[in-house]
Amino acid sequence: MRGKNYSIFQRLTPIMASVMIGCESIKDINPVLDPEPLTANMSGMEHFPDQSQINIVLIRMDQISVDLVHSLHLFVSIACS
């Protein structure tokens, strides 16, 4: 991702952030998350990976991975409410 080696957590962070912010598709990630370097810094990154890299992660996910992300999303939604 822009020449960096990101952990699985760091690769999933922009996906979760984009869902929580209200992005309706992957194409919304760059304009919404690029201006958020502080949020990326909190995850140990200088900046979030771009939408093309997020798309690669999503394509490689299997059903178990999707279920885990779904569970994480539910947990975060409950914790934030």
C-alpha atoms as a PDB file:
ATOM      1  CA  MET A   1       0.000   0.000   0.000  1.00  0.00           C
ATOM      2  CA  ARG A   2       1.933   2.919  -1.367  1.00  0.00           C
ATOM      3  CA  GLY A   3       5.123   0.921  -0.821  1.00  0.00           C
ATOM      4  CA  LYS A   4       4.371   0.177   2.846  1.00  0.00           C
ATOM      5  CA  ASN A   5       3.826  -3.083   4.668  1.00  0.00           C
ATOM      6  CA  TYR A   6       0.623  -2.762   6.662  1.00  0.00           C
ATOM      7  CA  SER A   7      -0.661  -5.257   9.201  1.00  0.00           C
ATOM      8  CA  ILE A   8      -4.046  -6.924   8.752  1.00  0.00           C
ATOM      9  CA  PHE A   9      -5.439  -4.592  11.422  1.00  0.00           C
ATOM     10  CA  GLN A  10      -4.130  -1.555   9.531  1.00  0.00           C
ATOM     11  CA  ARG A  11      -5.639  -2.856   6.304  1.00  0.00           C
ATOM     12  CA  LEU A  12      -9.038  -3.334   7.931  1.00  0.00           C
ATOM     13  CA  THR A  13      -9.009  -0.003   9.771  1.00  0.00           C
ATOM     14  CA  PRO A  14      -9.928   2.132   6.723  1.00  0.00           C
ATOM     15  CA  ILE A  15     -12.692  -0.306   5.827  1.00  0.00           C
ATOM     16  CA  MET A  16     -14.216  -0.001   9.284  1.00  0.00           C
ATOM     17  CA  ALA A  17     -13.623   3.770   9.386  1.00  0.00           C
ATOM     18  CA  SER A  18     -15.303   4.248   6.020  1.00  0.00           C
ATOM     19  CA  VAL A  19     -18.347   2.236   7.131  1.00  0.00           C
ATOM     20  CA  MET A  20     -18.593   4.207  10.388  1.00  0.00           C
ATOM     21  CA  ILE A  21     -18.232   7.541   8.557  1.00  0.00           C
ATOM     22  CA  GLY A  22     -20.973   6.553   6.129  1.00  0.00           C
ATOM     23  CA  CYS A  23     -19.163   5.795   2.873  1.00  0.00           C
ATOM     24  CA  GLU A  24     -21.549   3.938   0.608  1.00  0.00           C
ATOM     25  CA  SER A  25     -18.891   2.518  -1.718  1.00  0.00           C
ATOM     26  CA  ILE A  26     -15.145   2.039  -2.047  1.00  0.00           C
ATOM     27  CA  LYS A  27     -14.895   5.047  -4.357  1.00  0.00           C
ATOM     28  CA  ASP A  28     -15.770   7.272  -1.378  1.00  0.00           C
ATOM     29  CA  ILE A  29     -12.712   6.181   0.631  1.00  0.00           C
ATOM     30  CA  ASN A  30     -10.104   8.480  -0.960  1.00  0.00           C
ATOM     31  CA  PRO A  31     -12.002  11.778  -0.680  1.00  0.00           C
ATOM     32  CA  VAL A  32     -13.312  10.994   2.813  1.00  0.00           C
ATOM     33  CA  LEU A  33     -10.316   9.341   4.501  1.00  0.00           C
ATOM     34  CA  ASP A  34      -7.363  11.086   2.808  1.00  0.00           C
ATOM     35  CA  PRO A  35      -7.992  14.337   4.728  1.00  0.00           C
ATOM     36  CA  GLU A  36      -7.887  12.392   8.032  1.00  0.00           C
ATOM     37  CA  PRO A  37      -4.160  11.898   8.816  1.00  0.00           C
ATOM     38  CA  LEU A  38      -4.766  12.142  12.586  1.00  0.00           C
ATOM     39  CA  THR A  39      -7.125   9.171  12.454  1.00  0.00           C
ATOM     40  CA  ALA A  40      -4.579   7.221  10.413  1.00  0.00           C
ATOM     41  CA  ASN A  41      -1.849   8.170  12.920  1.00  0.00           C
ATOM     42  CA  MET A  42      -3.941   6.696  15.730  1.00  0.00           C
ATOM     43  CA  SER A  43      -3.712   3.365  13.871  1.00  0.00           C
ATOM     44  CA  GLY A  44       0.047   3.668  13.427  1.00  0.00           C
ATOM     45  CA  MET A  45      -0.060   4.847   9.808  1.00  0.00           C
ATOM     46  CA  GLU A  46       1.023   8.096   8.174  1.00  0.00           C
ATOM     47  CA  HIS A  47      -2.059   7.917   5.944  1.00  0.00           C
ATOM     48  CA  PHE A  48      -4.762   5.444   5.067  1.00  0.00           C
ATOM     49  CA  PRO A  49      -4.258   3.049   2.152  1.00  0.00           C
ATOM     50  CA  ASP A  50      -6.017   4.218  -1.004  1.00  0.00           C
ATOM     51  CA  GLN A  51      -9.206   2.710  -2.360  1.00  0.00           C
ATOM     52  CA  SER A  52      -7.451   0.477  -4.897  1.00  0.00           C
ATOM     53  CA  GLN A  53      -5.529  -1.245  -2.100  1.00  0.00           C
ATOM     54  CA  ILE A  54      -8.679  -1.621  -0.015  1.00  0.00           C
ATOM     55  CA  ASN A  55     -10.379  -3.211  -3.020  1.00  0.00           C
ATOM     56  CA  ILE A  56      -7.569  -5.799  -3.213  1.00  0.00           C
ATOM     57  CA  VAL A  57      -8.084  -6.651   0.470  1.00  0.00           C
ATOM     58  CA  LEU A  58     -11.833  -7.034  -0.023  1.00  0.00           C
ATOM     59  CA  ILE A  59     -11.395  -9.269  -3.077  1.00  0.00           C
ATOM     60  CA  ARG A  60      -9.083 -11.582  -1.118  1.00  0.00           C
ATOM     61  CA  MET A  61     -11.470 -11.949   1.822  1.00  0.00           C
ATOM     62  CA  ASP A  62     -13.252 -15.250   2.283  1.00  0.00           C
ATOM     63  CA  GLN A  63     -16.550 -15.843   4.092  1.00  0.00           C
ATOM     64  CA  ILE A  64     -14.864 -16.308   7.468  1.00  0.00           C
ATOM     65  CA  SER A  65     -13.107 -12.946   7.074  1.00  0.00           C
ATOM     66  CA  VAL A  66     -16.372 -11.251   6.107  1.00  0.00           C
ATOM     67  CA  ASP A  67     -18.093 -12.762   9.157  1.00  0.00           C
ATOM     68  CA  LEU A  68     -15.285 -11.533  11.441  1.00  0.00           C
ATOM     69  CA  VAL A  69     -15.467  -7.992  10.042  1.00  0.00           C
ATOM     70  CA  HIS A  70     -19.252  -8.079  10.394  1.00  0.00           C
ATOM     71  CA  SER A  71     -18.926  -9.157  14.044  1.00  0.00           C
ATOM     72  CA  LEU A  72     -16.380  -6.421  14.669  1.00  0.00           C
ATOM     73  CA  HIS A  73     -18.697  -3.857  13.096  1.00  0.00           C
ATOM     74  CA  LEU A  74     -21.573  -4.960  15.330  1.00  0.00           C
ATOM     75  CA  PHE A  75     -19.327  -4.783  18.403  1.00  0.00           C
ATOM     76  CA  VAL A  76     -18.128  -1.268  17.510  1.00  0.00           C
ATOM     77  CA  SER A  77     -21.693  -0.139  16.778  1.00  0.00           C
ATOM     78  CA  ILE A  78     -22.885  -1.356  20.160  1.00  0.00           C
ATOM     79  CA  ALA A  79     -19.860   0.063  21.991  1.00  0.00           C
ATOM     80  CA  CYS A  80     -20.294   3.494  20.376  1.00  0.00           C
ATOM     81  CA  SER A  81     -24.018   3.764  21.124  1.00  0.00           C
END
